[in-house]
Amino acid sequence: MRSLAFLLLLAAAPAFAQPELHRARGDAWRALDEFRAALAEYDAALRLAPQDAALLAERALTLHRLG
């Protein structure tokens, strides 16, 4: 349930164009096994920070979990 509360908190946050916010949302979605939503957030973060290797790894892990 902590992940759900965190996701709700992030949803209420202003939509700042910051890769960290999208990464956090992606992490929360992935923790809830909502892999497609997580990918959308990671993609949004990568548009803002395409050189972020850790973010690319998070996206790859999510794609792996998606199957």
Protein backbone atom coordinates (compact mmCIF):
# COMPACT_ATOMS: atom_id res chain seq x y z
CA MET A 1 0.00 0.00 0.00
CA ARG A 2 2.95 2.36 0.46
CA SER A 3 3.49 2.39 -3.30
CA LEU A 4 -0.13 3.32 -3.91
CA ALA A 5 0.05 6.19 -1.42
CA PHE A 6 3.28 7.39 -3.03
CA LEU A 7 1.69 7.25 -6.48
CA LEU A 8 -1.30 9.26 -5.28
CA LEU A 9 1.02 11.85 -3.79
CA LEU A 10 2.93 12.13 -7.06
CA ALA A 11 -0.29 12.42 -9.03
CA ALA A 12 -1.25 15.42 -6.91
CA ALA A 13 2.12 17.10 -7.46
CA PRO A 14 2.42 19.82 -10.08
CA ALA A 15 3.49 18.53 -13.48
CA PHE A 16 7.06 19.81 -13.42
CA ALA A 17 9.12 18.91 -16.46
CA GLN A 18 11.74 17.11 -14.40
CA PRO A 19 13.06 13.66 -15.18
CA GLU A 20 13.20 12.81 -11.46
CA LEU A 21 9.45 13.23 -11.10
CA HIS A 22 8.75 10.95 -14.06
CA ARG A 23 11.28 8.41 -12.75
CA ALA A 24 9.55 8.37 -9.36
CA ARG A 25 6.16 7.89 -11.00
CA GLY A 26 7.59 5.10 -13.15
CA ASP A 27 9.04 3.41 -10.09
CA ALA A 28 5.69 3.63 -8.30
CA TRP A 29 3.78 2.21 -11.29
CA ARG A 30 6.31 -0.62 -11.63
CA ALA A 31 5.97 -1.44 -7.92
CA LEU A 32 2.25 -1.85 -8.57
CA ASP A 33 2.98 -4.12 -11.58
CA GLU A 34 1.54 -1.49 -13.93
CA PHE A 35 4.32 -1.87 -16.47
CA ARG A 36 2.80 0.03 -19.39
CA ALA A 37 2.15 3.08 -17.21
CA ALA A 38 5.70 2.79 -15.86
CA LEU A 39 7.11 2.72 -19.39
CA ALA A 40 5.19 5.87 -20.29
CA GLU A 41 6.73 7.69 -17.33
CA TYR A 42 10.24 6.41 -18.08
CA ASP A 43 9.83 7.49 -21.71
CA ALA A 44 8.79 10.97 -20.56
CA ALA A 45 11.85 11.15 -18.32
CA LEU A 46 14.13 9.99 -21.13
CA ARG A 47 12.84 12.74 -23.41
CA LEU A 48 14.14 15.19 -20.79
CA ALA A 49 17.34 13.30 -19.94
CA PRO A 50 18.23 10.96 -22.81
CA GLN A 51 21.78 10.42 -21.54
CA ASP A 52 20.66 9.03 -18.14
CA ALA A 53 22.04 5.47 -18.09
CA ALA A 54 20.31 4.56 -14.82
CA LEU A 55 16.97 5.61 -16.29
CA LEU A 56 17.63 3.51 -19.40
CA ALA A 57 18.31 0.56 -17.10
CA GLU A 58 15.00 1.11 -15.25
CA ARG A 59 13.18 1.17 -18.58
CA ALA A 60 14.93 -2.01 -19.71
CA LEU A 61 14.01 -3.78 -16.46
CA THR A 62 10.39 -2.73 -16.93
CA LEU A 63 10.36 -4.03 -20.52
CA HIS A 64 11.77 -7.31 -19.24
CA ARG A 65 9.05 -7.56 -16.59
CA LEU A 66 6.42 -6.77 -19.21
CA GLY A 67 7.56 -9.76 -21.20
